[in-house]
Amino acid sequence: MTFLGFDHVSLIVNNTERALTFYHHVLGLDIATDRPKLPFKGAWLIVATHQQIHLLEVPNPDSLDRPEHGGRDRHVAFRVPCLNNIRQQLETNKISYSLSKSGRKALFCRDFDGNTLELIE
């Protein structure tokens, strides 16, 4: 079996519009227009060619008691061309983050629903 990459990552959110503030306005991801009509609110965001984040506005089955450092939690990791640009966007929008404990050029942040993202240069 051969894998070609990932197609999408689904994240549970409490409020789609609030989540889009983080993913679309802060991180700058474009909103995909090909989301089918589903029985729940949400949005699909374009990460790269054939790669998306699917925001699902459904009840969250997970505890909201998350570890302080996102690197010790479930997370999705994305490569970015410039970590400094991301840091500036997070700071401008008063979104906390922590640097990778390994010394790599990476940071961890959480969206408004506690989902952890790792961004790696």
N, C-alpha and C. Protein backbone atom coordinates (compact mmCIF):
# COMPACT_ATOMS: atom_id res chain seq x y z
N MET A 1 0.84 -1.18 0.00
CA MET A 1 0.00 0.00 0.00
C MET A 1 0.89 1.24 0.00
N THR A 2 0.54 2.22 -0.82
CA THR A 2 1.30 3.46 -0.90
C THR A 2 0.38 4.62 -0.55
N PHE A 3 0.88 5.51 0.28
CA PHE A 3 0.13 6.73 0.62
C PHE A 3 0.71 7.88 -0.16
N LEU A 4 -0.14 8.78 -0.62
CA LEU A 4 0.29 9.91 -1.42
C LEU A 4 0.36 11.21 -0.61
N GLY A 5 -0.02 11.17 0.65
CA GLY A 5 -0.08 12.37 1.48
C GLY A 5 -1.42 12.36 2.20
N PHE A 6 -1.71 13.42 2.94
CA PHE A 6 -3.01 13.45 3.59
C PHE A 6 -3.98 14.29 2.78
N ASP A 7 -5.24 13.93 2.83
CA ASP A 7 -6.29 14.64 2.11
C ASP A 7 -6.84 15.77 2.97
N HIS A 8 -7.22 15.43 4.20
CA HIS A 8 -7.72 16.46 5.11
C HIS A 8 -7.57 16.01 6.56
N VAL A 9 -7.64 16.98 7.43
CA VAL A 9 -7.69 16.77 8.87
C VAL A 9 -8.99 17.40 9.33
N SER A 10 -9.77 16.69 10.13
CA SER A 10 -11.01 17.24 10.66
C SER A 10 -10.82 17.67 12.10
N LEU A 11 -11.28 18.87 12.41
CA LEU A 11 -11.20 19.41 13.76
C LEU A 11 -12.60 19.79 14.22
N ILE A 12 -12.91 19.47 15.45
CA ILE A 12 -14.21 19.81 16.03
C ILE A 12 -14.14 21.24 16.57
N VAL A 13 -15.15 22.03 16.21
CA VAL A 13 -15.23 23.41 16.68
C VAL A 13 -16.60 23.66 17.29
N ASN A 14 -16.64 24.64 18.16
CA ASN A 14 -17.87 25.01 18.85
C ASN A 14 -18.69 25.99 18.03
N ASN A 15 -18.01 26.85 17.25
CA ASN A 15 -18.68 27.90 16.49
C ASN A 15 -17.88 28.12 15.21
N THR A 16 -18.47 27.83 14.07
CA THR A 16 -17.75 27.91 12.80
C THR A 16 -17.24 29.31 12.52
N GLU A 17 -18.06 30.32 12.73
CA GLU A 17 -17.64 31.70 12.44
C GLU A 17 -16.44 32.09 13.31
N ARG A 18 -16.47 31.74 14.58
CA ARG A 18 -15.35 32.05 15.48
C ARG A 18 -14.10 31.29 15.03
N ALA A 19 -14.26 30.03 14.62
CA ALA A 19 -13.13 29.24 14.15
C ALA A 19 -12.54 29.86 12.88
N LEU A 20 -13.38 30.38 12.01
CA LEU A 20 -12.88 31.02 10.79
C LEU A 20 -12.09 32.28 11.09
N THR A 21 -12.40 32.94 12.19
CA THR A 21 -11.58 34.09 12.60
C THR A 21 -10.14 33.65 12.77
N PHE A 22 -9.93 32.50 13.40
CA PHE A 22 -8.57 31.98 13.61
C PHE A 22 -7.96 31.46 12.32
N TYR A 23 -8.62 30.53 11.66
CA TYR A 23 -8.03 29.84 10.52
C TYR A 23 -7.96 30.70 9.25
N HIS A 24 -8.99 31.48 9.00
CA HIS A 24 -9.03 32.29 7.78
C HIS A 24 -8.39 33.67 7.99
N HIS A 25 -8.78 34.36 9.05
CA HIS A 25 -8.31 35.73 9.24
C HIS A 25 -6.92 35.81 9.87
N VAL A 26 -6.62 34.96 10.85
CA VAL A 26 -5.30 34.99 11.49
C VAL A 26 -4.27 34.21 10.67
N LEU A 27 -4.58 32.94 10.37
CA LEU A 27 -3.61 32.11 9.64
C LEU A 27 -3.65 32.34 8.13
N GLY A 28 -4.70 32.92 7.61
CA GLY A 28 -4.76 33.25 6.20
C GLY A 28 -5.14 32.12 5.26
N LEU A 29 -5.74 31.04 5.78
CA LEU A 29 -6.15 29.94 4.91
C LEU A 29 -7.41 30.32 4.14
N ASP A 30 -7.44 29.96 2.86
CA ASP A 30 -8.61 30.22 2.03
C ASP A 30 -9.71 29.22 2.34
N ILE A 31 -10.94 29.67 2.19
CA ILE A 31 -12.10 28.81 2.42
C ILE A 31 -12.44 28.10 1.12
N ALA A 32 -12.55 26.79 1.17
CA ALA A 32 -12.91 26.00 -0.02
C ALA A 32 -14.40 26.19 -0.31
N THR A 33 -14.74 26.22 -1.57
CA THR A 33 -16.13 26.43 -1.97
C THR A 33 -16.84 25.14 -2.33
N ASP A 34 -16.15 24.00 -2.24
CA ASP A 34 -16.75 22.74 -2.68
C ASP A 34 -17.27 21.86 -1.54
N ARG A 35 -17.50 22.46 -0.35
CA ARG A 35 -18.05 21.68 0.76
C ARG A 35 -19.48 21.28 0.42
N PRO A 36 -19.79 20.00 0.49
CA PRO A 36 -21.18 19.59 0.19
C PRO A 36 -22.13 20.02 1.30
N LYS A 37 -23.41 20.00 1.00
CA LYS A 37 -24.41 20.31 2.02
C LYS A 37 -24.44 19.17 3.02
N LEU A 38 -24.15 19.48 4.26
CA LEU A 38 -24.11 18.48 5.33
C LEU A 38 -25.11 18.87 6.41
N PRO A 39 -25.50 17.94 7.27
CA PRO A 39 -26.51 18.25 8.29
C PRO A 39 -25.95 18.99 9.51
N PHE A 40 -24.76 19.55 9.40
CA PHE A 40 -24.16 20.33 10.50
C PHE A 40 -23.34 21.45 9.89
N LYS A 41 -23.13 22.49 10.68
CA LYS A 41 -22.34 23.63 10.21
C LYS A 41 -20.86 23.26 10.18
N GLY A 42 -20.11 24.01 9.42
CA GLY A 42 -18.68 23.79 9.32
C GLY A 42 -18.11 24.52 8.13
N ALA A 43 -16.83 24.31 7.88
CA ALA A 43 -16.16 24.92 6.74
C ALA A 43 -14.96 24.07 6.37
N TRP A 44 -14.57 24.14 5.11
CA TRP A 44 -13.37 23.47 4.64
C TRP A 44 -12.37 24.55 4.26
N LEU A 45 -11.14 24.37 4.70
CA LEU A 45 -10.09 25.35 4.43
C LEU A 45 -8.97 24.69 3.62
N ILE A 46 -8.42 25.45 2.70
CA ILE A 46 -7.38 24.94 1.82
C ILE A 46 -6.02 25.15 2.47
N VAL A 47 -5.27 24.06 2.66
CA VAL A 47 -3.92 24.13 3.21
C VAL A 47 -2.92 24.14 2.07
N ALA A 48 -3.05 23.20 1.15
CA ALA A 48 -2.18 23.08 -0.02
C ALA A 48 -2.98 22.32 -1.07
N THR A 49 -2.40 22.11 -2.23
CA THR A 49 -3.10 21.37 -3.28
C THR A 49 -3.54 20.02 -2.73
N HIS A 50 -4.83 19.77 -2.79
CA HIS A 50 -5.43 18.50 -2.34
C HIS A 50 -5.25 18.25 -0.84
N GLN A 51 -5.07 19.29 -0.05
CA GLN A 51 -4.97 19.13 1.41
C GLN A 51 -5.83 20.21 2.07
N GLN A 52 -6.67 19.77 3.02
CA GLN A 52 -7.60 20.69 3.65
C GLN A 52 -7.70 20.43 5.15
N ILE A 53 -8.23 21.44 5.85
CA ILE A 53 -8.70 21.29 7.22
C ILE A 53 -10.22 21.38 7.15
N HIS A 54 -10.90 20.38 7.71
CA HIS A 54 -12.36 20.42 7.77
C HIS A 54 -12.76 20.80 9.19
N LEU A 55 -13.45 21.90 9.33
CA LEU A 55 -13.97 22.33 10.62
C LEU A 55 -15.38 21.77 10.75
N LEU A 56 -15.62 21.00 11.82
CA LEU A 56 -16.90 20.35 12.04
C LEU A 56 -17.55 20.94 13.28
N GLU A 57 -18.68 21.59 13.13
CA GLU A 57 -19.39 22.15 14.28
C GLU A 57 -20.34 21.08 14.81
N VAL A 58 -19.80 20.24 15.67
CA VAL A 58 -20.54 19.15 16.28
C VAL A 58 -20.16 19.09 17.77
N PRO A 59 -20.95 18.40 18.59
CA PRO A 59 -20.59 18.30 20.01
C PRO A 59 -19.20 17.67 20.19
N ASN A 60 -18.41 18.26 21.08
CA ASN A 60 -17.05 17.79 21.33
C ASN A 60 -17.06 16.67 22.36
N PRO A 61 -16.60 15.47 21.99
CA PRO A 61 -16.59 14.35 22.94
C PRO A 61 -15.37 14.37 23.87
N ASP A 62 -14.42 15.27 23.61
CA ASP A 62 -13.17 15.29 24.38
C ASP A 62 -13.26 16.23 25.58
N SER A 63 -12.47 15.91 26.57
CA SER A 63 -12.33 16.80 27.72
C SER A 63 -11.65 18.09 27.29
N LEU A 64 -12.03 19.19 27.86
CA LEU A 64 -11.38 20.46 27.56
C LEU A 64 -10.17 20.69 28.46
N ASP A 65 -9.86 19.73 29.31
CA ASP A 65 -8.69 19.80 30.18
C ASP A 65 -7.49 19.32 29.38
N ARG A 66 -6.77 20.24 28.74
CA ARG A 66 -5.68 19.92 27.83
C ARG A 66 -4.34 20.20 28.50
N PRO A 67 -3.26 19.51 28.10
CA PRO A 67 -1.93 19.81 28.62
C PRO A 67 -1.53 21.25 28.28
N GLU A 68 -0.71 21.86 29.13
CA GLU A 68 -0.31 23.25 28.89
C GLU A 68 0.45 23.41 27.58
N HIS A 69 1.41 22.52 27.33
CA HIS A 69 2.21 22.59 26.10
C HIS A 69 1.58 21.70 25.04
N GLY A 70 1.25 22.30 23.90
CA GLY A 70 0.58 21.57 22.83
C GLY A 70 1.35 20.39 22.28
N GLY A 71 2.67 20.38 22.43
CA GLY A 71 3.48 19.27 21.95
C GLY A 71 3.23 17.97 22.69
N ARG A 72 2.56 18.07 23.83
CA ARG A 72 2.23 16.87 24.62
C ARG A 72 0.76 16.50 24.49
N ASP A 73 0.14 17.02 23.45
CA ASP A 73 -1.27 16.79 23.20
C ASP A 73 -1.43 16.27 21.77
N ARG A 74 -2.60 15.74 21.44
CA ARG A 74 -2.87 15.41 20.04
C ARG A 74 -2.75 16.70 19.25
N HIS A 75 -2.16 16.62 18.08
CA HIS A 75 -2.03 17.82 17.27
C HIS A 75 -1.82 17.45 15.81
N VAL A 76 -2.02 18.43 14.96
CA VAL A 76 -1.71 18.30 13.55
C VAL A 76 -0.57 19.27 13.27
N ALA A 77 0.41 18.82 12.48
CA ALA A 77 1.60 19.63 12.21
C ALA A 77 1.63 20.03 10.74
N PHE A 78 1.94 21.29 10.51
CA PHE A 78 2.03 21.82 9.15
C PHE A 78 3.39 22.46 8.95
N ARG A 79 3.95 22.28 7.78
CA ARG A 79 5.18 22.99 7.40
C ARG A 79 4.78 24.36 6.88
N VAL A 80 5.54 25.36 7.29
CA VAL A 80 5.31 26.74 6.83
C VAL A 80 6.62 27.31 6.33
N PRO A 81 6.57 28.23 5.37
CA PRO A 81 7.82 28.77 4.82
C PRO A 81 8.54 29.73 5.77
N CYS A 82 7.79 30.40 6.66
CA CYS A 82 8.42 31.39 7.54
C CYS A 82 7.70 31.42 8.88
N LEU A 83 8.35 30.91 9.89
CA LEU A 83 7.76 30.87 11.23
C LEU A 83 7.59 32.27 11.82
N ASN A 84 8.49 33.18 11.49
CA ASN A 84 8.40 34.54 12.02
C ASN A 84 7.10 35.23 11.61
N ASN A 85 6.64 35.00 10.38
CA ASN A 85 5.38 35.59 9.94
C ASN A 85 4.21 35.05 10.76
N ILE A 86 4.22 33.76 11.04
CA ILE A 86 3.17 33.15 11.86
C ILE A 86 3.21 33.73 13.27
N ARG A 87 4.41 33.82 13.83
CA ARG A 87 4.54 34.37 15.20
C ARG A 87 3.97 35.79 15.25
N GLN A 88 4.29 36.59 14.25
CA GLN A 88 3.80 37.96 14.22
C GLN A 88 2.27 37.99 14.17
N GLN A 89 1.67 37.14 13.35
CA GLN A 89 0.21 37.08 13.25
C GLN A 89 -0.41 36.65 14.58
N LEU A 90 0.18 35.64 15.22
CA LEU A 90 -0.34 35.19 16.51
C LEU A 90 -0.23 36.29 17.57
N GLU A 91 0.92 36.95 17.62
CA GLU A 91 1.11 38.02 18.61
C GLU A 91 0.17 39.19 18.35
N THR A 92 0.01 39.58 17.09
CA THR A 92 -0.90 40.67 16.74
C THR A 92 -2.32 40.37 17.20
N ASN A 93 -2.70 39.11 17.11
CA ASN A 93 -4.05 38.70 17.48
C ASN A 93 -4.15 38.18 18.91
N LYS A 94 -3.07 38.37 19.69
CA LYS A 94 -3.04 37.99 21.10
C LYS A 94 -3.37 36.51 21.32
N ILE A 95 -2.80 35.66 20.46
CA ILE A 95 -2.98 34.22 20.57
C ILE A 95 -1.67 33.64 21.11
N SER A 96 -1.76 32.97 22.25
CA SER A 96 -0.55 32.44 22.87
C SER A 96 -0.02 31.23 22.11
N TYR A 97 1.27 31.02 22.23
CA TYR A 97 1.93 29.89 21.60
C TYR A 97 3.14 29.53 22.44
N SER A 98 3.68 28.35 22.22
CA SER A 98 4.93 27.97 22.87
C SER A 98 5.86 27.41 21.80
N LEU A 99 7.14 27.66 21.99
CA LEU A 99 8.13 27.16 21.05
C LEU A 99 8.39 25.69 21.32
N SER A 100 8.85 24.98 20.30
CA SER A 100 9.15 23.57 20.45
C SER A 100 10.21 23.37 21.53
N LYS A 101 9.98 22.40 22.38
CA LYS A 101 10.92 22.08 23.47
C LYS A 101 12.17 21.39 22.92
N SER A 102 12.12 20.90 21.67
CA SER A 102 13.25 20.18 21.08
C SER A 102 14.31 21.10 20.49
N GLY A 103 13.99 22.39 20.38
CA GLY A 103 14.91 23.33 19.76
C GLY A 103 14.71 23.48 18.26
N ARG A 104 13.79 22.69 17.68
CA ARG A 104 13.48 22.85 16.26
C ARG A 104 12.82 24.19 16.02
N LYS A 105 12.84 24.67 14.78
CA LYS A 105 12.13 25.89 14.43
C LYS A 105 10.66 25.53 14.28
N ALA A 106 9.96 25.48 15.41
CA ALA A 106 8.56 25.09 15.42
C ALA A 106 7.87 25.73 16.61
N LEU A 107 6.57 25.90 16.48
CA LEU A 107 5.77 26.40 17.60
C LEU A 107 4.46 25.66 17.66
N PHE A 108 3.85 25.73 18.83
CA PHE A 108 2.55 25.11 19.07
C PHE A 108 1.59 26.21 19.49
N CYS A 109 0.38 26.17 18.93
CA CYS A 109 -0.67 27.08 19.36
C CYS A 109 -1.98 26.30 19.32
N ARG A 110 -3.00 26.89 19.93
CA ARG A 110 -4.32 26.27 19.94
C ARG A 110 -5.30 27.22 19.27
N ASP A 111 -6.26 26.62 18.57
CA ASP A 111 -7.34 27.44 18.03
C ASP A 111 -8.29 27.77 19.19
N PHE A 112 -9.36 28.46 18.90
CA PHE A 112 -10.27 28.90 19.95
C PHE A 112 -11.06 27.77 20.60
N ASP A 113 -10.96 26.56 20.03
CA ASP A 113 -11.64 25.40 20.59
C ASP A 113 -10.68 24.43 21.27
N GLY A 114 -9.41 24.81 21.39
CA GLY A 114 -8.43 23.97 22.08
C GLY A 114 -7.73 22.96 21.19
N ASN A 115 -8.03 22.94 19.87
CA ASN A 115 -7.30 22.06 18.96
C ASN A 115 -5.87 22.58 18.81
N THR A 116 -4.89 21.68 18.87
CA THR A 116 -3.49 22.10 18.80
C THR A 116 -2.95 21.99 17.39
N LEU A 117 -2.23 23.03 16.98
CA LEU A 117 -1.52 23.04 15.71
C LEU A 117 -0.04 23.18 16.00
N GLU A 118 0.77 22.41 15.29
CA GLU A 118 2.22 22.60 15.31
C GLU A 118 2.58 23.18 13.95
N LEU A 119 3.34 24.25 13.97
CA LEU A 119 3.78 24.91 12.74
C LEU A 119 5.30 24.82 12.69
N ILE A 120 5.83 24.20 11.64
CA ILE A 120 7.25 23.90 11.53
C ILE A 120 7.84 24.60 10.31
N GLU A 121 8.94 25.29 10.53
CA GLU A 121 9.64 25.92 9.40
C GLU A 121 10.58 24.93 8.76
